[in-house]
Amino acid sequence: MILIAGCNGHVGREIVKKCAARKIQARCFDLAPAVPEGIDSSCLEVFAGDITDPGSVLKAVQGVDTVMFVIGRKRGTKNLTHEMVEHGGIKNVSEACKKSGVKHIMYISALGVGKDVPATSLVAKWNAEQSIRKSGIPYTIFRPSGYFADFAEEFAPRIKKTGSFTIIGQGACLVQPLDPADLAEAFMQAMDNPRAMQRIFKIAGPEKFTLTDIIQLVGNILGVPVKIKKMPVWVGNLMFSLIALFTGNPGAKDFLYRMSRDSTCTEEEMREMQEVFRIAYKRLDPWLRERLGLQSSV
């Protein structure tokens, strides 16, 4: 039995589908867990709970061999910070796993984590990694780049509606986005895999783009000429600083930091993945066309 903590998220949903297709017993854990439509759910259980509640987590891990922690928040709030969800959640999971005999913890971290980086989400994920490594429980940690889903869910609607997109800076930073289903496949292949134990893997898609490249790609797929508006970095910094000040949420500036740096893997890091996992990585263009219901390019 595996526990999918965060079954409603982009990666969590894909793991649920793969478990159903392969008849793997799984418990779907989230605040309001939902099983995707159109799948055979006979091997799935649902468990409503809160990752920040130790008692809830302890109940959820009973009878579980493997925990997949795939919870993530795009934006923290003053009352529910990244530290509370990521680090606090993992501490709850680690303690519960020790009590119930869980044999393997898997976790989604992120490229660029560190204890001193100016992004609360990345610091929280770094802290979570350290808790896992000190837990004494065998672990596998993945540090992915961004996901394709962001461009379908956030970029495409805005471009379709307005014909424009505003970025901070010149949009020259490189990104190497990933299909959430490909990361889900890495989780599946890491189960009972000795070569994946006690390892941290960086994972990204097969293509690198600048942010302006992706905006133009989305516009081309939609058939919409896109006007890219560039906001000076100092204006963006002032704007997000004011948001952080008035909301009491320092994590409001995370987006600015993450958009000001490359998010890619080196060739060596990609080879490390290829040595352990067999994944046919998806390309962004056909994935977007399928997701947006448009005909694939030739």
C-alpha atoms as a PDB file:
ATOM      1  CA  MET A   1       0.000   0.000   0.000  1.00  0.00           C
ATOM      2  CA  ILE A   2       1.256   3.473  -0.888  1.00  0.00           C
ATOM      3  CA  LEU A   3       0.049   6.811   0.426  1.00  0.00           C
ATOM      4  CA  ILE A   4      -0.269   9.603  -2.135  1.00  0.00           C
ATOM      5  CA  ALA A   5      -0.137  12.757   0.006  1.00  0.00           C
ATOM      6  CA  GLY A   6      -1.416  15.502  -2.266  1.00  0.00           C
ATOM      7  CA  CYS A   7      -3.482  13.333  -4.619  1.00  0.00           C
ATOM      8  CA  ASN A   8      -5.373  16.340  -6.039  1.00  0.00           C
ATOM      9  CA  GLY A   9      -2.295  18.128  -7.384  1.00  0.00           C
ATOM     10  CA  HIS A  10      -0.846  17.927 -10.883  1.00  0.00           C
ATOM     11  CA  VAL A  11       1.649  15.189 -10.040  1.00  0.00           C
ATOM     12  CA  GLY A  12      -0.596  13.495  -7.494  1.00  0.00           C
ATOM     13  CA  ARG A  13      -3.409  13.030 -10.030  1.00  0.00           C
ATOM     14  CA  GLU A  14      -0.997  11.424 -12.471  1.00  0.00           C
ATOM     15  CA  ILE A  15       0.296   9.035  -9.812  1.00  0.00           C
ATOM     16  CA  VAL A  16      -3.291   8.066  -8.947  1.00  0.00           C
ATOM     17  CA  LYS A  17      -3.962   7.260 -12.621  1.00  0.00           C
ATOM     18  CA  LYS A  18      -0.808   5.156 -12.874  1.00  0.00           C
ATOM     19  CA  CYS A  19      -1.644   3.237  -9.691  1.00  0.00           C
ATOM     20  CA  ALA A  20      -5.132   2.509 -11.014  1.00  0.00           C
ATOM     21  CA  ALA A  21      -3.791   1.369 -14.392  1.00  0.00           C
ATOM     22  CA  ARG A  22      -1.222  -0.934 -12.749  1.00  0.00           C
ATOM     23  CA  LYS A  23      -3.572  -2.192 -10.020  1.00  0.00           C
ATOM     24  CA  ILE A  24      -1.337  -0.870  -7.229  1.00  0.00           C
ATOM     25  CA  GLN A  25      -3.047  -0.430  -3.876  1.00  0.00           C
ATOM     26  CA  ALA A  26      -2.989   3.266  -3.019  1.00  0.00           C
ATOM     27  CA  ARG A  27      -4.519   5.573  -0.434  1.00  0.00           C
ATOM     28  CA  CYS A  28      -5.326   9.035  -1.794  1.00  0.00           C
ATOM     29  CA  PHE A  29      -4.742  11.706   0.860  1.00  0.00           C
ATOM     30  CA  ASP A  30      -5.750  15.358   0.583  1.00  0.00           C
ATOM     31  CA  LEU A  31      -8.006  17.895   2.261  1.00  0.00           C
ATOM     32  CA  ALA A  32     -10.840  16.772  -0.025  1.00  0.00           C
ATOM     33  CA  PRO A  33      -9.430  13.848  -2.020  1.00  0.00           C
ATOM     34  CA  ALA A  34     -10.867  13.268  -5.471  1.00  0.00           C
ATOM     35  CA  VAL A  35     -10.271  10.325  -7.795  1.00  0.00           C
ATOM     36  CA  PRO A  36     -10.011  11.238 -11.509  1.00  0.00           C
ATOM     37  CA  GLU A  37     -13.015  10.249 -13.597  1.00  0.00           C
ATOM     38  CA  GLY A  38     -12.833   7.398 -16.080  1.00  0.00           C
ATOM     39  CA  ILE A  39     -10.412   5.148 -14.202  1.00  0.00           C
ATOM     40  CA  ASP A  40     -10.846   1.838 -12.395  1.00  0.00           C
ATOM     41  CA  SER A  41     -10.677   2.923  -8.753  1.00  0.00           C
ATOM     42  CA  SER A  42     -11.074  -0.547  -7.242  1.00  0.00           C
ATOM     43  CA  CYS A  43      -7.504  -0.499  -5.924  1.00  0.00           C
ATOM     44  CA  LEU A  44      -7.813   3.021  -4.470  1.00  0.00           C
ATOM     45  CA  GLU A  45      -8.854   4.332  -1.070  1.00  0.00           C
ATOM     46  CA  VAL A  46      -9.581   7.962  -0.222  1.00  0.00           C
ATOM     47  CA  PHE A  47      -8.609   9.578   3.056  1.00  0.00           C
ATOM     48  CA  ALA A  48      -9.495  13.171   3.863  1.00  0.00           C
ATOM     49  CA  GLY A  49      -6.926  14.802   6.118  1.00  0.00           C
ATOM     50  CA  ASP A  50      -4.639  17.734   6.794  1.00  0.00           C
ATOM     51  CA  ILE A  51      -0.879  17.340   6.354  1.00  0.00           C
ATOM     52  CA  THR A  52      -0.295  19.955   9.087  1.00  0.00           C
ATOM     53  CA  ASP A  53      -2.219  17.823  11.610  1.00  0.00           C
ATOM     54  CA  PRO A  54       0.032  15.119  13.148  1.00  0.00           C
ATOM     55  CA  GLY A  55      -2.930  12.993  14.228  1.00  0.00           C
ATOM     56  CA  SER A  56      -4.450  13.048  10.756  1.00  0.00           C
ATOM     57  CA  VAL A  57      -1.146  12.034   9.181  1.00  0.00           C
ATOM     58  CA  LEU A  58      -0.601   9.208  11.668  1.00  0.00           C
ATOM     59  CA  LYS A  59      -3.974   7.707  10.789  1.00  0.00           C
ATOM     60  CA  ALA A  60      -3.272   8.066   7.065  1.00  0.00           C
ATOM     61  CA  VAL A  61       0.003   6.092   7.121  1.00  0.00           C
ATOM     62  CA  GLN A  62      -1.364   3.039   8.931  1.00  0.00           C
ATOM     63  CA  GLY A  63      -0.685  -0.078   6.852  1.00  0.00           C
ATOM     64  CA  VAL A  64       1.378   1.871   4.327  1.00  0.00           C
ATOM     65  CA  ASP A  65       4.795   0.800   2.986  1.00  0.00           C
ATOM     66  CA  THR A  66       5.614   3.855   0.882  1.00  0.00           C
ATOM     67  CA  VAL A  67       4.670   7.530   1.246  1.00  0.00           C
ATOM     68  CA  MET A  68       4.740   9.820  -1.778  1.00  0.00           C
ATOM     69  CA  PHE A  69       4.680  13.428  -0.574  1.00  0.00           C
ATOM     70  CA  VAL A  70       3.544  15.381  -3.624  1.00  0.00           C
ATOM     71  CA  ILE A  71       1.877  18.295  -1.861  1.00  0.00           C
ATOM     72  CA  GLY A  72       2.835  21.738  -3.038  1.00  0.00           C
ATOM     73  CA  ARG A  73       1.477  25.265  -2.755  1.00  0.00           C
ATOM     74  CA  LYS A  74       2.046  27.778  -5.513  1.00  0.00           C
ATOM     75  CA  ARG A  75       1.505  30.604  -3.068  1.00  0.00           C
ATOM     76  CA  GLY A  76       1.845  30.585   0.664  1.00  0.00           C
ATOM     77  CA  THR A  77      -0.322  32.785   2.845  1.00  0.00           C
ATOM     78  CA  LYS A  78       0.214  34.513   6.161  1.00  0.00           C
ATOM     79  CA  ASN A  79      -1.784  31.797   7.943  1.00  0.00           C
ATOM     80  CA  LEU A  80      -0.570  28.817   5.904  1.00  0.00           C
ATOM     81  CA  THR A  81       3.046  29.307   4.915  1.00  0.00           C
ATOM     82  CA  HIS A  82       5.281  27.136   2.756  1.00  0.00           C
ATOM     83  CA  GLU A  83       7.242  26.280   5.892  1.00  0.00           C
ATOM     84  CA  MET A  84       4.095  24.976   7.593  1.00  0.00           C
ATOM     85  CA  VAL A  85       3.058  22.823   4.645  1.00  0.00           C
ATOM     86  CA  GLU A  86       6.397  21.637   3.263  1.00  0.00           C
ATOM     87  CA  HIS A  87       8.659  21.388   6.292  1.00  0.00           C
ATOM     88  CA  GLY A  88       5.973  20.991   8.933  1.00  0.00           C
ATOM     89  CA  GLY A  89       4.158  18.452   6.784  1.00  0.00           C
ATOM     90  CA  ILE A  90       7.268  16.379   6.215  1.00  0.00           C
ATOM     91  CA  LYS A  91       8.098  16.394   9.918  1.00  0.00           C
ATOM     92  CA  ASN A  92       4.615  15.056  10.606  1.00  0.00           C
ATOM     93  CA  VAL A  93       5.043  12.415   7.915  1.00  0.00           C
ATOM     94  CA  SER A  94       8.491  11.364   9.163  1.00  0.00           C
ATOM     95  CA  GLU A  95       7.316  10.953  12.746  1.00  0.00           C
ATOM     96  CA  ALA A  96       4.224   9.024  11.656  1.00  0.00           C
ATOM     97  CA  CYS A  97       6.310   6.802   9.377  1.00  0.00           C
ATOM     98  CA  LYS A  98       8.669   5.905  12.222  1.00  0.00           C
ATOM     99  CA  LYS A  99       5.726   4.867  14.392  1.00  0.00           C
ATOM    100  CA  SER A 100       4.002   2.819  11.711  1.00  0.00           C
ATOM    101  CA  GLY A 101       6.997   1.183  10.009  1.00  0.00           C
ATOM    102  CA  VAL A 102       6.887   2.892   6.615  1.00  0.00           C
ATOM    103  CA  LYS A 103       9.813   1.700   4.501  1.00  0.00           C
ATOM    104  CA  HIS A 104      10.231   4.489   1.935  1.00  0.00           C
ATOM    105  CA  ILE A 105       9.491   8.229   1.731  1.00  0.00           C
ATOM    106  CA  MET A 106       9.467  10.032  -1.613  1.00  0.00           C
ATOM    107  CA  TYR A 107       9.292  13.808  -1.846  1.00  0.00           C
ATOM    108  CA  ILE A 108       8.910  16.553  -4.467  1.00  0.00           C
ATOM    109  CA  SER A 109      11.402  19.307  -3.799  1.00  0.00           C
ATOM    110  CA  ALA A 110      12.447  21.826  -6.480  1.00  0.00           C
ATOM    111  CA  LEU A 111      15.415  23.011  -8.488  1.00  0.00           C
ATOM    112  CA  GLY A 112      17.205  25.834  -6.702  1.00  0.00           C
ATOM    113  CA  VAL A 113      16.455  24.883  -3.092  1.00  0.00           C
ATOM    114  CA  GLY A 114      18.811  26.132  -0.395  1.00  0.00           C
ATOM    115  CA  LYS A 115      18.883  27.334   3.184  1.00  0.00           C
ATOM    116  CA  ASP A 116      19.796  30.927   2.301  1.00  0.00           C
ATOM    117  CA  VAL A 117      17.986  31.575  -0.992  1.00  0.00           C
ATOM    118  CA  PRO A 118      15.591  34.564  -1.049  1.00  0.00           C
ATOM    119  CA  ALA A 119      12.456  32.472  -1.634  1.00  0.00           C
ATOM    120  CA  THR A 120      10.458  31.083   1.274  1.00  0.00           C
ATOM    121  CA  SER A 121       9.141  28.153  -0.782  1.00  0.00           C
ATOM    122  CA  LEU A 122      12.651  27.002  -1.706  1.00  0.00           C
ATOM    123  CA  VAL A 123      13.920  27.405   1.861  1.00  0.00           C
ATOM    124  CA  ALA A 124      10.959  25.381   3.143  1.00  0.00           C
ATOM    125  CA  LYS A 125      11.671  22.600   0.659  1.00  0.00           C
ATOM    126  CA  TRP A 126      15.343  22.626   1.651  1.00  0.00           C
ATOM    127  CA  ASN A 127      14.355  22.282   5.301  1.00  0.00           C
ATOM    128  CA  ALA A 128      12.003  19.445   4.382  1.00  0.00           C
ATOM    129  CA  GLU A 129      14.832  17.657   2.564  1.00  0.00           C
ATOM    130  CA  GLN A 130      17.029  17.871   5.653  1.00  0.00           C
ATOM    131  CA  SER A 131      14.278  16.425   7.847  1.00  0.00           C
ATOM    132  CA  ILE A 132      13.835  13.497   5.473  1.00  0.00           C
ATOM    133  CA  ARG A 133      17.558  12.792   5.322  1.00  0.00           C
ATOM    134  CA  LYS A 134      17.802  12.824   9.120  1.00  0.00           C
ATOM    135  CA  SER A 135      14.712  10.651   9.644  1.00  0.00           C
ATOM    136  CA  GLY A 136      16.521   7.349   9.233  1.00  0.00           C
ATOM    137  CA  ILE A 137      13.888   6.168   6.741  1.00  0.00           C
ATOM    138  CA  PRO A 138      15.017   5.293   3.189  1.00  0.00           C
ATOM    139  CA  TYR A 139      14.157   8.171   0.876  1.00  0.00           C
ATOM    140  CA  THR A 140      14.066   9.371  -2.709  1.00  0.00           C
ATOM    141  CA  ILE A 141      13.884  13.102  -3.420  1.00  0.00           C
ATOM    142  CA  PHE A 142      13.125  14.676  -6.795  1.00  0.00           C
ATOM    143  CA  ARG A 143      13.979  18.284  -7.625  1.00  0.00           C
ATOM    144  CA  PRO A 144      11.890  19.129 -10.703  1.00  0.00           C
ATOM    145  CA  SER A 145      11.872  22.174 -12.904  1.00  0.00           C
ATOM    146  CA  GLY A 146       8.550  23.876 -13.605  1.00  0.00           C
ATOM    147  CA  TYR A 147       5.549  22.050 -15.052  1.00  0.00           C
ATOM    148  CA  PHE A 148       3.863  22.249 -18.451  1.00  0.00           C
ATOM    149  CA  ALA A 149       0.553  22.775 -16.672  1.00  0.00           C
ATOM    150  CA  ASP A 150       1.446  26.372 -15.753  1.00  0.00           C
ATOM    151  CA  PHE A 151       1.462  27.384 -19.411  1.00  0.00           C
ATOM    152  CA  ALA A 152      -1.898  25.760 -20.133  1.00  0.00           C
ATOM    153  CA  GLU A 153      -3.626  27.018 -16.999  1.00  0.00           C
ATOM    154  CA  GLU A 154      -2.126  30.481 -16.519  1.00  0.00           C
ATOM    155  CA  PHE A 155      -0.391  31.651 -19.685  1.00  0.00           C
ATOM    156  CA  ALA A 156      -2.879  30.428 -22.311  1.00  0.00           C
ATOM    157  CA  PRO A 157      -6.076  31.938 -20.810  1.00  0.00           C
ATOM    158  CA  ARG A 158      -4.426  35.333 -20.342  1.00  0.00           C
ATOM    159  CA  ILE A 159      -2.957  35.370 -23.839  1.00  0.00           C
ATOM    160  CA  LYS A 160      -6.228  34.219 -25.398  1.00  0.00           C
ATOM    161  CA  LYS A 161      -8.204  36.883 -23.551  1.00  0.00           C
ATOM    162  CA  THR A 162      -5.873  39.890 -23.898  1.00  0.00           C
ATOM    163  CA  GLY A 163      -3.386  39.099 -26.664  1.00  0.00           C
ATOM    164  CA  SER A 164      -0.607  40.221 -24.337  1.00  0.00           C
ATOM    165  CA  PHE A 165       1.536  38.960 -21.486  1.00  0.00           C
ATOM    166  CA  THR A 166       3.563  40.942 -18.956  1.00  0.00           C
ATOM    167  CA  ILE A 167       6.920  39.677 -17.718  1.00  0.00           C
ATOM    168  CA  ILE A 168       9.398  41.086 -15.236  1.00  0.00           C
ATOM    169  CA  GLY A 169      12.792  41.751 -16.781  1.00  0.00           C
ATOM    170  CA  GLN A 170      13.812  40.721 -20.289  1.00  0.00           C
ATOM    171  CA  GLY A 171      12.448  37.155 -20.196  1.00  0.00           C
ATOM    172  CA  ALA A 172      15.859  35.721 -21.117  1.00  0.00           C
ATOM    173  CA  CYS A 173      16.158  33.236 -18.248  1.00  0.00           C
ATOM    174  CA  LEU A 174      16.107  29.606 -19.301  1.00  0.00           C
ATOM    175  CA  VAL A 175      13.470  27.127 -18.180  1.00  0.00           C
ATOM    176  CA  GLN A 176      13.224  23.390 -18.859  1.00  0.00           C
ATOM    177  CA  PRO A 177       9.605  22.503 -18.068  1.00  0.00           C
ATOM    178  CA  LEU A 178       8.347  19.008 -17.412  1.00  0.00           C
ATOM    179  CA  ASP A 179       5.147  17.055 -17.951  1.00  0.00           C
ATOM    180  CA  PRO A 180       3.754  16.213 -14.481  1.00  0.00           C
ATOM    181  CA  ALA A 181       3.026  12.694 -15.790  1.00  0.00           C
ATOM    182  CA  ASP A 182       6.744  12.182 -16.434  1.00  0.00           C
ATOM    183  CA  LEU A 183       7.591  13.096 -12.854  1.00  0.00           C
ATOM    184  CA  ALA A 184       4.801  10.768 -11.708  1.00  0.00           C
ATOM    185  CA  GLU A 185       6.420   7.996 -13.728  1.00  0.00           C
ATOM    186  CA  ALA A 186       9.724   8.616 -11.936  1.00  0.00           C
ATOM    187  CA  PHE A 187       7.913   8.168  -8.615  1.00  0.00           C
ATOM    188  CA  MET A 188       6.443   4.880  -9.813  1.00  0.00           C
ATOM    189  CA  GLN A 189       9.781   3.558 -11.027  1.00  0.00           C
ATOM    190  CA  ALA A 190      11.478   4.566  -7.762  1.00  0.00           C
ATOM    191  CA  MET A 191       9.337   2.142  -5.745  1.00  0.00           C
ATOM    192  CA  ASP A 192      11.297  -0.940  -4.625  1.00  0.00           C
ATOM    193  CA  ASN A 193      14.236   0.311  -6.685  1.00  0.00           C
ATOM    194  CA  PRO A 194      17.530   0.034  -4.746  1.00  0.00           C
ATOM    195  CA  ARG A 195      19.231   2.401  -7.212  1.00  0.00           C
ATOM    196  CA  ALA A 196      16.781   5.157  -6.268  1.00  0.00           C
ATOM    197  CA  MET A 197      17.245   4.850  -2.503  1.00  0.00           C
ATOM    198  CA  GLN A 198      19.042   7.567  -0.521  1.00  0.00           C
ATOM    199  CA  ARG A 199      19.248   9.679  -3.672  1.00  0.00           C
ATOM    200  CA  ILE A 200      18.339  13.193  -4.747  1.00  0.00           C
ATOM    201  CA  PHE A 201      17.547  13.497  -8.456  1.00  0.00           C
ATOM    202  CA  LYS A 202      17.181  16.660 -10.500  1.00  0.00           C
ATOM    203  CA  ILE A 203      14.613  16.195 -13.238  1.00  0.00           C
ATOM    204  CA  ALA A 204      13.478  18.347 -16.156  1.00  0.00           C
ATOM    205  CA  GLY A 205      11.926  18.028 -19.582  1.00  0.00           C
ATOM    206  CA  PRO A 206      13.829  17.446 -22.856  1.00  0.00           C
ATOM    207  CA  GLU A 207      13.761  21.075 -24.078  1.00  0.00           C
ATOM    208  CA  LYS A 208      15.066  24.431 -22.856  1.00  0.00           C
ATOM    209  CA  PHE A 209      13.280  27.707 -23.558  1.00  0.00           C
ATOM    210  CA  THR A 210      13.478  31.343 -22.591  1.00  0.00           C
ATOM    211  CA  LEU A 211      10.307  32.738 -21.051  1.00  0.00           C
ATOM    212  CA  THR A 212       9.690  34.796 -24.188  1.00  0.00           C
ATOM    213  CA  ASP A 213      10.059  31.630 -26.295  1.00  0.00           C
ATOM    214  CA  ILE A 214       7.268  29.960 -24.322  1.00  0.00           C
ATOM    215  CA  ILE A 215       4.972  32.984 -24.528  1.00  0.00           C
ATOM    216  CA  GLN A 216       5.411  33.057 -28.300  1.00  0.00           C
ATOM    217  CA  LEU A 217       4.869  29.277 -28.494  1.00  0.00           C
ATOM    218  CA  VAL A 218       1.596  29.521 -26.577  1.00  0.00           C
ATOM    219  CA  GLY A 219       0.480  32.379 -28.813  1.00  0.00           C
ATOM    220  CA  ASN A 220       1.348  30.421 -31.970  1.00  0.00           C
ATOM    221  CA  ILE A 221      -0.585  27.375 -30.765  1.00  0.00           C
ATOM    222  CA  LEU A 222      -3.610  29.546 -29.969  1.00  0.00           C
ATOM    223  CA  GLY A 223      -3.267  31.468 -33.221  1.00  0.00           C
ATOM    224  CA  VAL A 224      -3.016  34.737 -31.286  1.00  0.00           C
ATOM    225  CA  PRO A 225      -0.285  37.348 -31.945  1.00  0.00           C
ATOM    226  CA  VAL A 226       1.177  38.132 -28.521  1.00  0.00           C
ATOM    227  CA  LYS A 227       2.425  41.497 -27.348  1.00  0.00           C
ATOM    228  CA  ILE A 228       5.035  40.912 -24.639  1.00  0.00           C
ATOM    229  CA  LYS A 229       5.122  43.722 -22.092  1.00  0.00           C
ATOM    230  CA  LYS A 230       8.334  43.978 -20.068  1.00  0.00           C
ATOM    231  CA  MET A 231       8.218  45.408 -16.568  1.00  0.00           C
ATOM    232  CA  PRO A 232      11.543  46.705 -15.197  1.00  0.00           C
ATOM    233  CA  VAL A 233      12.937  44.501 -12.448  1.00  0.00           C
ATOM    234  CA  TRP A 234      13.012  47.377  -9.950  1.00  0.00           C
ATOM    235  CA  VAL A 235       9.288  47.985 -10.524  1.00  0.00           C
ATOM    236  CA  GLY A 236       8.524  44.298 -10.039  1.00  0.00           C
ATOM    237  CA  ASN A 237      10.610  44.208  -6.888  1.00  0.00           C
ATOM    238  CA  LEU A 238       8.801  47.263  -5.500  1.00  0.00           C
ATOM    239  CA  MET A 239       5.404  45.822  -6.377  1.00  0.00           C
ATOM    240  CA  PHE A 240       6.024  42.425  -4.761  1.00  0.00           C
ATOM    241  CA  SER A 241       7.688  44.059  -1.749  1.00  0.00           C
ATOM    242  CA  LEU A 242       4.553  46.104  -1.157  1.00  0.00           C
ATOM    243  CA  ILE A 243       2.373  43.024  -1.553  1.00  0.00           C
ATOM    244  CA  ALA A 244       4.522  41.198   0.992  1.00  0.00           C
ATOM    245  CA  LEU A 245       4.355  44.155   3.377  1.00  0.00           C
ATOM    246  CA  PHE A 246       0.591  44.663   3.244  1.00  0.00           C
ATOM    247  CA  THR A 247      -0.310  40.962   3.301  1.00  0.00           C
ATOM    248  CA  GLY A 248       2.232  40.061   5.979  1.00  0.00           C
ATOM    249  CA  ASN A 249       3.386  37.246   3.714  1.00  0.00           C
ATOM    250  CA  PRO A 250       7.099  37.356   2.779  1.00  0.00           C
ATOM    251  CA  GLY A 251       6.496  34.518   0.319  1.00  0.00           C
ATOM    252  CA  ALA A 252       4.828  37.000  -2.036  1.00  0.00           C
ATOM    253  CA  LYS A 253       8.307  37.756  -3.425  1.00  0.00           C
ATOM    254  CA  ASP A 254       9.060  34.113  -4.264  1.00  0.00           C
ATOM    255  CA  PHE A 255       7.642  34.452  -7.774  1.00  0.00           C
ATOM    256  CA  LEU A 256       9.985  37.345  -8.573  1.00  0.00           C
ATOM    257  CA  TYR A 257      13.050  35.370  -7.492  1.00  0.00           C
ATOM    258  CA  ARG A 258      12.072  32.229  -9.356  1.00  0.00           C
ATOM    259  CA  MET A 259      11.460  34.208 -12.544  1.00  0.00           C
ATOM    260  CA  SER A 260      14.874  35.880 -12.311  1.00  0.00           C
ATOM    261  CA  ARG A 261      16.981  32.703 -12.485  1.00  0.00           C
ATOM    262  CA  ASP A 262      17.496  29.772 -14.832  1.00  0.00           C
ATOM    263  CA  SER A 263      15.659  26.567 -13.944  1.00  0.00           C
ATOM    264  CA  THR A 264      17.423  23.850 -15.916  1.00  0.00           C
ATOM    265  CA  CYS A 265      19.364  20.619 -15.472  1.00  0.00           C
ATOM    266  CA  THR A 266      22.882  19.945 -16.680  1.00  0.00           C
ATOM    267  CA  GLU A 267      23.616  17.091 -19.094  1.00  0.00           C
ATOM    268  CA  GLU A 268      25.219  15.162 -16.238  1.00  0.00           C
ATOM    269  CA  GLU A 269      22.108  15.566 -14.076  1.00  0.00           C
ATOM    270  CA  MET A 270      19.922  14.322 -16.930  1.00  0.00           C
ATOM    271  CA  ARG A 271      22.246  11.326 -17.399  1.00  0.00           C
ATOM    272  CA  GLU A 272      21.894  10.450 -13.713  1.00  0.00           C
ATOM    273  CA  MET A 273      18.141  10.210 -14.253  1.00  0.00           C
ATOM    274  CA  GLN A 274      18.572   8.122 -17.398  1.00  0.00           C
ATOM    275  CA  GLU A 275      20.840   5.655 -15.592  1.00  0.00           C
ATOM    276  CA  VAL A 276      18.105   4.814 -13.073  1.00  0.00           C
ATOM    277  CA  PHE A 277      14.796   5.549 -14.827  1.00  0.00           C
ATOM    278  CA  ARG A 278      13.334   4.788 -18.242  1.00  0.00           C
ATOM    279  CA  ILE A 279      11.083   7.713 -19.087  1.00  0.00           C
ATOM    280  CA  ALA A 280       9.979   8.855 -22.554  1.00  0.00           C
ATOM    281  CA  TYR A 281       9.830  12.572 -21.795  1.00  0.00           C
ATOM    282  CA  LYS A 282       7.062  14.585 -23.455  1.00  0.00           C
ATOM    283  CA  ARG A 283       7.714  17.694 -25.536  1.00  0.00           C
ATOM    284  CA  LEU A 284       5.922  20.919 -24.665  1.00  0.00           C
ATOM    285  CA  ASP A 285       4.378  21.781 -28.064  1.00  0.00           C
ATOM    286  CA  PRO A 286       2.331  18.578 -28.601  1.00  0.00           C
ATOM    287  CA  TRP A 287       1.435  18.433 -24.909  1.00  0.00           C
ATOM    288  CA  LEU A 288       0.030  21.969 -25.013  1.00  0.00           C
ATOM    289  CA  ARG A 289      -1.879  21.307 -28.230  1.00  0.00           C
ATOM    290  CA  GLU A 290      -3.484  18.224 -26.723  1.00  0.00           C
ATOM    291  CA  ARG A 291      -4.294  19.968 -23.444  1.00  0.00           C
ATOM    292  CA  LEU A 292      -5.753  23.006 -25.199  1.00  0.00           C
ATOM    293  CA  GLY A 293      -7.729  20.798 -27.598  1.00  0.00           C
ATOM    294  CA  LEU A 294      -5.894  21.943 -30.710  1.00  0.00           C
ATOM    295  CA  GLN A 295      -4.488  19.968 -33.620  1.00  0.00           C
ATOM    296  CA  SER A 296      -0.879  18.829 -33.299  1.00  0.00           C
ATOM    297  CA  SER A 297       1.729  20.371 -35.535  1.00  0.00           C
ATOM    298  CA  VAL A 298       3.312  18.206 -38.224  1.00  0.00           C
END
